[in-house]
Amino acid sequence: MRLPLRLVRAAALTWLGSCGASSAVTPPPLAGTPWISGQTIEAVFGAGTLSSAGSSTASQVSLSGPGALALAPGGALFVVDQLNHRVIREDLAWIKFTGVGADGLLGQALFTGSTRNAGAGGSVPSASGFDNPQGVAMDGTGVLYVSDRGNNRVLRFNGAVAKANGAAADAVLGQADFTTKAFGTTATQFSEPAGVAVEVLGTLWVTDRNNNRVLRFNSAAGKANGAAADGVLGQADFVTATGGTSSTKMRTPHAVIVDASGNLFVADQGNHRVLVFLNAAAKANGAAADLVLGQADFTSGTAPVAASATNMYLPYALAIDNAGRLYVADGGQNRILVFHGAIAKGNGAAADLVLGKPNFTDGSTTMATATNVGQPYGVAVQSSTGKLYISDYSNARVVRLQAASSLVP
């Protein structure tokens, strides 16, 4: 018997949540909120102490350019280590101590490797190497997707948690095979893909940066190499690539996340905003967004002059918890913005909390401390354990925060 879609989505809340007017005064915590603005970091991966930066080298205990994050249903954390051209795996991440090494990796055979396109070398792609990986996402069955930006493709790793170090991908999208890297503007090609997210029923969303669009792949785990996308947002068709600032256009979208109800959030980086598409998989190609955050309306796209509770500067990553809180990695202002009940917000609504900074007007500091992050390029939340993970790109580390109360409604 097949369950109704609404029940399937509701049942998936547990694993999905595990997975993506200004004031100079520190905002007080809202009633019942699990977070406090500017709260202290609990643990660090990639550095030796809570207040130190990492070494930016390739090893089992260091990172160089940490970016997107994804959580496996069992709690393993996958970290895109961009400048080392790899994705590392931290098992039991919610209880891991500061300074403990990674447990596995993809993209390199050894923890000391940092070769672009390892397995072939240099400019030649392979099934086991990356060139500047950007996005990572995992579905409820353990299938991992990695956007391999420099090779204009997305790689799929089945049963990724159990893969050996440096294992080959099982399938590729954006290319017909594992050894080509051409870019293009069609239903089967990308031009520098960045963010990836997987819906409850296996729908994969990919931000195609240079084509100023987001592509949808239905039942992605069963797609053949080079399969065509099933839908597009940001463009009216699959052969247009122009960017813009409206409810139907984007400008270099970078990250994407989808909640258990199928609502899609897109970090429209070049327009310094987040677009929200309700029930996105049912939308027609080129459909308009339903909500915008970071700008007052759909036709504004300018960068902010100073940090506030209502603006963003180059949003890099997104996550959403089981209670509908949206977490935005505001990379250009070195902070994480938290929006409670995001889909019910009005256009341009203020964030409710800020993490990584003491208040909404502090956006410039990048130094490594026990309360500060610089250029957050990744964020992931694990509702079941109340853990929040942030990639602190400037300081070559990933930090972990603990919620003060349950993230499960």
Protein backbone atom coordinates (compact mmCIF):
# COMPACT_ATOMS: atom_id res chain seq x y z
CA MET A 1 0.00 0.00 0.00
CA ARG A 2 1.35 3.41 -0.93
CA LEU A 3 1.07 6.09 1.74
CA PRO A 4 -0.34 9.53 0.88
CA LEU A 5 2.36 12.08 0.05
CA ARG A 6 1.60 14.20 3.11
CA LEU A 7 2.18 11.20 5.41
CA VAL A 8 5.42 10.25 3.69
CA ARG A 9 6.70 13.78 4.09
CA ALA A 10 5.64 13.93 7.72
CA ALA A 11 7.35 10.64 8.47
CA ALA A 12 10.54 11.97 6.91
CA LEU A 13 10.84 14.90 9.32
CA THR A 14 13.27 13.06 11.57
CA TRP A 15 15.97 12.35 9.00
CA LEU A 16 15.48 15.61 7.11
CA GLY A 17 16.01 17.69 10.23
CA SER A 18 19.21 15.82 10.80
CA CYS A 19 20.57 16.58 7.41
CA GLY A 20 21.07 22.12 5.06
CA ALA A 21 15.18 47.17 12.18
CA SER A 22 18.78 46.87 13.42
CA SER A 23 19.97 47.38 16.96
CA ALA A 24 23.43 47.51 18.49
CA VAL A 25 22.08 45.65 21.51
CA THR A 26 22.37 41.86 21.55
CA PRO A 27 18.88 40.52 20.69
CA PRO A 28 17.30 38.66 23.62
CA PRO A 29 16.28 35.04 23.03
CA LEU A 30 12.65 34.62 22.02
CA ALA A 31 10.41 32.55 24.27
CA GLY A 32 11.21 28.90 23.77
CA THR A 33 14.06 29.50 21.36
CA PRO A 34 16.90 26.96 21.52
CA TRP A 35 19.55 29.50 20.51
CA ILE A 36 21.04 32.63 22.05
CA SER A 37 22.61 35.26 19.80
CA GLY A 38 26.39 35.09 19.99
CA GLN A 39 26.43 31.84 21.96
CA THR A 40 29.63 29.91 22.59
CA ILE A 41 30.90 27.15 20.32
CA GLU A 42 30.83 23.62 21.78
CA ALA A 43 33.46 21.86 19.64
CA VAL A 44 35.65 22.37 16.56
CA PHE A 45 36.78 20.15 13.67
CA GLY A 46 39.93 21.19 11.81
CA ALA A 47 41.54 23.16 14.66
CA GLY A 48 43.00 22.29 18.05
CA THR A 49 41.04 24.65 20.31
CA LEU A 50 37.78 26.60 20.31
CA SER A 51 39.62 29.88 19.79
CA SER A 52 42.20 28.86 17.18
CA ALA A 53 42.18 28.66 13.40
CA GLY A 54 43.09 25.56 11.43
CA SER A 55 46.30 25.07 9.48
CA SER A 56 44.73 25.06 5.98
CA THR A 57 46.64 21.91 5.00
CA ALA A 58 45.59 18.44 3.87
CA SER A 59 45.54 15.94 6.74
CA GLN A 60 43.14 13.87 8.80
CA VAL A 61 42.73 16.69 11.33
CA SER A 62 42.85 19.79 9.11
CA LEU A 63 40.80 21.53 6.43
CA SER A 64 41.49 24.04 3.69
CA GLY A 65 38.44 25.96 2.57
CA PRO A 66 35.60 24.14 4.37
CA GLY A 67 32.28 24.73 2.65
CA ALA A 68 28.96 22.92 2.32
CA LEU A 69 27.84 20.41 4.96
CA ALA A 70 25.48 17.43 4.94
CA LEU A 71 24.31 15.02 7.62
CA ALA A 72 23.65 11.33 7.11
CA PRO A 73 20.57 9.72 8.69
CA GLY A 74 22.90 8.02 11.21
CA GLY A 75 24.59 11.28 12.19
CA ALA A 76 27.81 11.27 10.16
CA LEU A 77 28.79 14.74 8.96
CA PHE A 78 30.10 15.27 5.43
CA VAL A 79 32.26 18.38 4.90
CA VAL A 80 33.22 19.80 1.51
CA ASP A 81 36.92 20.68 1.83
CA GLN A 82 37.08 22.86 -1.26
CA LEU A 83 40.74 23.73 -1.62
CA ASN A 84 41.81 20.15 -0.90
CA HIS A 85 39.38 18.93 -3.59
CA ARG A 86 37.75 16.41 -1.29
CA VAL A 87 34.77 15.62 0.94
CA ILE A 88 35.60 14.34 4.41
CA ARG A 89 33.37 12.31 6.74
CA GLU A 90 33.13 12.77 10.50
CA ASP A 91 31.34 9.80 12.11
CA LEU A 92 29.39 10.38 15.35
CA ALA A 93 29.86 14.10 14.76
CA TRP A 94 27.44 15.13 17.50
CA ILE A 95 29.68 13.73 20.26
CA LYS A 96 33.10 14.13 18.67
CA PHE A 97 35.71 16.09 20.61
CA THR A 98 37.71 19.04 19.33
CA GLY A 99 40.77 18.01 17.33
CA VAL A 100 39.72 14.40 16.61
CA GLY A 101 40.46 13.34 13.03
CA ALA A 102 38.09 12.53 10.18
CA ASP A 103 36.92 8.96 9.56
CA GLY A 104 36.73 8.88 5.78
CA LEU A 105 37.04 10.89 2.59
CA LEU A 106 36.02 11.05 -1.05
CA GLY A 107 37.95 12.79 -3.82
CA GLN A 108 41.35 11.69 -2.52
CA ALA A 109 42.80 8.27 -1.71
CA LEU A 110 44.82 9.60 1.25
CA PHE A 111 44.14 12.26 3.88
CA THR A 112 47.35 14.02 2.81
CA GLY A 113 46.21 14.27 -0.80
CA SER A 114 45.01 17.56 -2.26
CA THR A 115 45.32 16.95 -6.01
CA ARG A 116 42.74 18.45 -8.32
CA ASN A 117 40.93 15.65 -10.19
CA ALA A 118 42.75 12.93 -8.24
CA GLY A 119 42.69 9.62 -10.07
CA ALA A 120 43.41 11.25 -13.41
CA GLY A 121 45.21 14.45 -12.47
CA GLY A 122 45.20 18.08 -13.54
CA SER A 123 42.44 19.06 -15.93
CA VAL A 124 41.21 15.53 -16.69
CA PRO A 125 38.14 14.42 -14.68
CA SER A 126 37.65 10.92 -13.31
CA ALA A 127 35.02 9.01 -11.36
CA SER A 128 36.97 9.44 -8.12
CA GLY A 129 38.26 13.03 -8.22
CA PHE A 130 36.88 16.55 -7.77
CA ASP A 131 37.82 19.99 -9.03
CA ASN A 132 36.67 22.59 -6.49
CA PRO A 133 33.66 20.72 -5.06
CA GLN A 134 30.96 23.05 -3.75
CA GLY A 135 27.75 21.39 -2.60
CA VAL A 136 26.83 18.19 -0.78
CA ALA A 137 23.52 16.56 0.16
CA MET A 138 22.34 13.15 1.32
CA ASP A 139 18.96 11.49 0.96
CA GLY A 140 17.23 9.27 3.50
CA THR A 141 18.71 6.08 2.05
CA GLY A 142 22.36 7.13 2.26
CA VAL A 143 22.87 8.36 -1.31
CA LEU A 144 25.29 11.30 -1.38
CA TYR A 145 25.37 13.99 -4.08
CA VAL A 146 28.41 16.25 -4.59
CA SER A 147 28.47 19.22 -6.95
CA ASP A 148 31.84 19.16 -8.71
CA ARG A 149 31.91 22.78 -9.83
CA GLY A 150 35.16 22.81 -11.80
CA ASN A 151 34.05 19.77 -13.80
CA ASN A 152 30.50 21.07 -14.40
CA ARG A 153 28.83 18.00 -12.95
CA VAL A 154 27.13 16.40 -9.95
CA LEU A 155 28.43 13.03 -8.74
CA ARG A 156 26.29 10.43 -6.98
CA PHE A 157 27.73 8.05 -4.35
CA ASN A 158 25.42 5.22 -3.31
CA GLY A 159 25.86 4.07 0.30
CA ALA A 160 28.39 6.83 0.85
CA VAL A 161 28.98 6.25 4.57
CA ALA A 162 30.37 2.79 3.84
CA LYS A 163 32.55 3.83 0.88
CA ALA A 164 36.30 3.28 1.05
CA ASN A 165 38.55 6.33 0.95
CA GLY A 166 38.80 7.69 -2.58
CA ALA A 167 36.00 5.46 -3.90
CA ALA A 168 34.56 6.12 -7.35
CA ALA A 169 31.16 7.70 -7.86
CA ASP A 170 28.29 5.53 -9.04
CA ALA A 171 26.73 8.02 -11.46
CA VAL A 172 27.10 11.51 -12.91
CA LEU A 173 24.72 14.28 -13.95
CA GLY A 174 25.72 17.16 -16.20
CA GLN A 175 28.04 14.97 -18.27
CA ALA A 176 27.50 11.84 -20.35
CA ASP A 177 30.47 10.12 -18.67
CA PHE A 178 33.11 10.56 -15.96
CA THR A 179 35.88 11.90 -18.22
CA THR A 180 34.23 14.97 -19.78
CA LYS A 181 33.72 18.42 -18.24
CA ALA A 182 32.07 20.63 -20.88
CA PHE A 183 29.70 23.35 -19.70
CA GLY A 184 26.49 24.38 -21.43
CA THR A 185 22.94 25.66 -21.18
CA THR A 186 20.67 22.69 -21.85
CA ALA A 187 18.58 20.24 -19.84
CA THR A 188 21.58 17.90 -19.60
CA GLN A 189 24.39 20.37 -18.78
CA PHE A 190 25.57 22.70 -16.05
CA SER A 191 27.84 25.72 -15.93
CA GLU A 192 29.55 25.65 -12.53
CA PRO A 193 26.94 23.91 -10.35
CA ALA A 194 27.13 24.83 -6.67
CA GLY A 195 24.38 23.88 -4.23
CA VAL A 196 22.53 20.57 -4.03
CA ALA A 197 19.55 19.46 -1.94
CA VAL A 198 17.41 16.32 -1.87
CA GLU A 199 13.68 16.27 -1.23
CA VAL A 200 11.94 13.61 0.85
CA LEU A 201 10.83 11.60 -2.18
CA GLY A 202 14.25 11.71 -3.85
CA THR A 203 13.93 14.85 -5.96
CA LEU A 204 17.33 16.51 -6.41
CA TRP A 205 17.70 20.29 -6.77
CA VAL A 206 20.91 21.81 -8.17
CA THR A 207 21.88 25.49 -8.36
CA ASP A 208 23.46 26.08 -11.77
CA ARG A 209 25.35 29.30 -11.01
CA ASN A 210 26.47 30.61 -14.37
CA ASN A 211 23.16 29.70 -15.98
CA ASN A 212 21.32 31.61 -13.24
CA ARG A 213 18.90 28.79 -12.55
CA VAL A 214 17.97 25.85 -10.33
CA LEU A 215 17.43 22.47 -11.99
CA ARG A 216 15.15 19.71 -10.71
CA PHE A 217 15.84 15.98 -11.17
CA ASN A 218 12.97 13.72 -10.16
CA SER A 219 13.91 10.37 -8.56
CA ALA A 220 17.56 11.30 -8.92
CA ALA A 221 18.94 8.10 -7.39
CA GLY A 222 17.65 6.17 -10.39
CA LYS A 223 18.89 8.54 -13.10
CA ALA A 224 21.30 7.32 -15.76
CA ASN A 225 24.55 9.17 -16.48
CA GLY A 226 23.88 12.47 -18.23
CA ALA A 227 20.10 12.33 -17.70
CA ALA A 228 18.10 15.46 -18.45
CA ALA A 229 16.60 17.66 -15.75
CA ASP A 230 12.84 17.50 -15.25
CA GLY A 231 12.26 21.14 -14.34
CA VAL A 232 13.86 24.56 -14.01
CA LEU A 233 13.37 27.67 -11.86
CA GLY A 234 14.99 31.01 -12.61
CA GLN A 235 14.53 30.55 -16.36
CA ALA A 236 11.46 29.95 -18.51
CA ASP A 237 13.22 27.17 -20.42
CA PHE A 238 16.39 25.07 -20.46
CA VAL A 239 18.30 27.12 -23.05
CA THR A 240 18.23 30.60 -21.45
CA ALA A 241 20.98 31.70 -19.07
CA THR A 242 20.47 35.42 -18.42
CA GLY A 243 20.38 36.60 -14.83
CA GLY A 244 18.05 39.17 -13.34
CA THR A 245 16.32 40.58 -10.28
CA SER A 246 12.64 39.69 -10.10
CA SER A 247 10.36 37.00 -8.69
CA THR A 248 11.17 34.75 -11.65
CA LYS A 249 14.88 35.48 -12.14
CA MET A 250 18.10 34.83 -10.20
CA ARG A 251 21.68 36.02 -10.29
CA THR A 252 24.36 33.37 -9.56
CA PRO A 253 22.29 31.25 -7.15
CA HIS A 254 24.63 29.38 -4.83
CA ALA A 255 22.86 27.21 -2.25
CA VAL A 256 19.55 25.42 -1.95
CA ILE A 257 17.61 23.54 0.74
CA VAL A 258 14.19 21.89 0.79
CA ASP A 259 11.97 21.20 3.80
CA ALA A 260 9.82 18.14 4.51
CA SER A 261 6.79 19.79 2.87
CA GLY A 262 8.62 20.39 -0.39
CA ASN A 263 9.20 24.12 0.08
CA LEU A 264 12.41 25.20 -1.63
CA PHE A 265 14.79 27.90 -0.37
CA VAL A 266 17.39 29.33 -2.78
CA ALA A 267 20.35 31.50 -1.78
CA ASP A 268 20.27 33.95 -4.70
CA GLN A 269 23.78 35.13 -3.98
CA GLY A 270 24.21 37.84 -6.61
CA ASN A 271 20.98 39.50 -5.47
CA HIS A 272 21.89 39.15 -1.76
CA ARG A 273 18.65 37.39 -0.90
CA VAL A 274 16.88 34.09 -0.29
CA LEU A 275 13.96 33.12 -2.51
CA VAL A 276 11.25 30.74 -1.28
CA PHE A 277 9.21 28.53 -3.62
CA LEU A 278 6.29 26.82 -1.90
CA ASN A 279 5.62 23.23 -3.04
CA ALA A 280 8.40 23.74 -5.56
CA ALA A 281 8.29 20.40 -7.37
CA ALA A 282 4.75 21.15 -8.55
CA LYS A 283 5.71 24.50 -10.07
CA ALA A 284 5.93 25.07 -13.80
CA ASN A 285 9.25 25.97 -15.41
CA GLY A 286 10.16 29.57 -14.67
CA ALA A 287 7.50 29.97 -11.96
CA ALA A 288 7.70 32.95 -9.62
CA ALA A 289 8.99 32.75 -6.07
CA ASP A 290 6.45 33.17 -3.27
CA LEU A 291 8.64 34.97 -0.73
CA VAL A 292 11.91 36.88 -0.49
CA LEU A 293 14.18 37.41 2.53
CA GLY A 294 17.16 39.76 2.60
CA GLN A 295 15.49 42.32 0.34
CA ALA A 296 12.28 44.33 0.82
CA ASP A 297 10.81 43.18 -2.50
CA PHE A 298 11.53 41.07 -5.57
CA THR A 299 13.03 43.92 -7.61
CA SER A 300 15.75 44.91 -5.13
CA GLY A 301 19.14 43.24 -5.34
CA THR A 302 21.75 45.67 -4.05
CA ALA A 303 24.42 44.76 -1.51
CA PRO A 304 23.97 46.19 2.00
CA VAL A 305 26.07 49.08 3.26
CA ALA A 306 26.04 47.79 6.86
CA ALA A 307 24.84 44.64 8.58
CA SER A 308 21.31 44.57 9.98
CA ALA A 309 18.59 42.06 10.88
CA THR A 310 16.91 42.46 7.48
CA ASN A 311 19.80 42.20 5.03
CA MET A 312 22.31 39.68 3.67
CA TYR A 313 25.56 40.00 1.77
CA LEU A 314 26.46 37.02 -0.41
CA PRO A 315 24.45 34.24 1.29
CA TYR A 316 26.42 31.01 0.89
CA ALA A 317 24.50 28.19 2.57
CA LEU A 318 21.12 27.23 3.99
CA ALA A 319 19.67 24.76 6.49
CA ILE A 320 16.25 24.17 7.99
CA ASP A 321 15.26 22.33 11.17
CA ASN A 322 12.19 20.28 12.04
CA ALA A 323 10.40 23.31 13.52
CA GLY A 324 10.75 25.32 10.31
CA ARG A 325 13.61 27.57 11.40
CA LEU A 326 15.71 28.69 8.45
CA TYR A 327 19.47 29.13 8.96
CA VAL A 328 21.23 31.41 6.45
CA ALA A 329 25.02 31.50 6.23
CA ASP A 330 25.51 35.21 5.49
CA GLY A 331 29.03 34.74 4.17
CA GLY A 332 29.82 38.37 3.39
CA GLN A 333 28.79 39.50 6.87
CA ASN A 334 30.41 36.60 8.76
CA ARG A 335 27.31 35.33 10.56
CA ILE A 336 24.37 32.91 10.61
CA LEU A 337 20.88 34.42 10.50
CA VAL A 338 17.99 32.43 11.99
CA PHE A 339 14.40 32.95 10.82
CA HIS A 340 11.70 31.29 12.93
CA GLY A 341 8.78 29.91 10.90
CA ALA A 342 10.42 31.11 7.71
CA ILE A 343 7.66 30.24 5.24
CA ALA A 344 5.18 32.38 7.19
CA LYS A 345 7.39 35.49 7.07
CA GLY A 346 6.58 38.53 4.97
CA ASN A 347 8.90 39.82 2.26
CA GLY A 348 11.99 41.41 3.76
CA ALA A 349 11.22 40.20 7.29
CA ALA A 350 13.90 40.56 9.95
CA ALA A 351 15.85 37.59 11.25
CA ASP A 352 15.00 36.50 14.78
CA LEU A 353 18.52 35.59 15.91
CA VAL A 354 22.14 35.86 14.85
CA LEU A 355 24.87 33.29 15.54
CA GLY A 356 28.61 33.78 15.12
CA LYS A 357 28.27 37.44 16.11
CA PRO A 358 27.10 39.21 19.31
CA ASN A 359 24.44 41.32 17.54
CA PHE A 360 22.91 42.14 14.16
CA THR A 361 25.16 45.12 13.41
CA ASP A 362 28.51 43.35 13.82
CA GLY A 363 29.37 41.86 10.45
CA SER A 364 33.06 42.50 9.87
CA THR A 365 35.07 40.38 12.32
CA THR A 366 36.55 37.15 10.93
CA MET A 367 38.97 36.09 13.70
CA ALA A 368 38.74 32.65 15.30
CA THR A 369 37.22 32.80 18.79
CA ALA A 370 34.85 30.65 20.82
CA THR A 371 31.90 32.79 19.70
CA ASN A 372 32.92 34.08 16.28
CA VAL A 373 32.97 32.76 12.71
CA GLY A 374 34.42 34.25 9.53
CA GLN A 375 32.94 33.69 6.08
CA PRO A 376 30.54 30.87 6.98
CA TYR A 377 30.26 28.85 3.77
CA GLY A 378 28.27 25.90 5.13
CA VAL A 379 25.59 25.18 7.72
CA ALA A 380 23.74 22.03 8.79
CA VAL A 381 21.36 21.29 11.64
CA GLN A 382 20.62 17.99 13.36
CA SER A 383 17.23 18.35 15.03
CA SER A 384 17.37 15.01 16.85
CA THR A 385 20.48 15.99 18.86
CA GLY A 386 20.12 19.78 18.83
CA LYS A 387 23.45 20.31 17.08
CA LEU A 388 24.26 23.08 14.60
CA TYR A 389 27.38 22.84 12.41
CA ILE A 390 28.96 25.85 10.69
CA SER A 391 31.83 25.89 8.20
CA ASP A 392 34.14 28.72 9.29
CA TYR A 393 35.91 29.19 5.95
CA SER A 394 38.21 32.03 7.01
CA ASN A 395 39.55 30.00 9.92
CA ALA A 396 39.76 26.60 8.19
CA ARG A 397 37.48 24.87 10.68
CA VAL A 398 33.95 23.57 11.27
CA VAL A 399 32.33 24.58 14.55
CA ARG A 400 29.54 22.87 16.48
CA LEU A 401 26.91 24.55 18.67
CA GLN A 402 24.46 22.92 21.09
CA ALA A 403 20.83 24.04 21.32
CA ALA A 404 19.55 24.90 24.78
CA SER A 405 16.20 23.23 24.10
CA SER A 406 14.72 20.74 21.65
CA LEU A 407 14.68 21.49 17.93
CA VAL A 408 11.89 18.95 17.44
CA PRO A 409 8.40 20.53 17.62
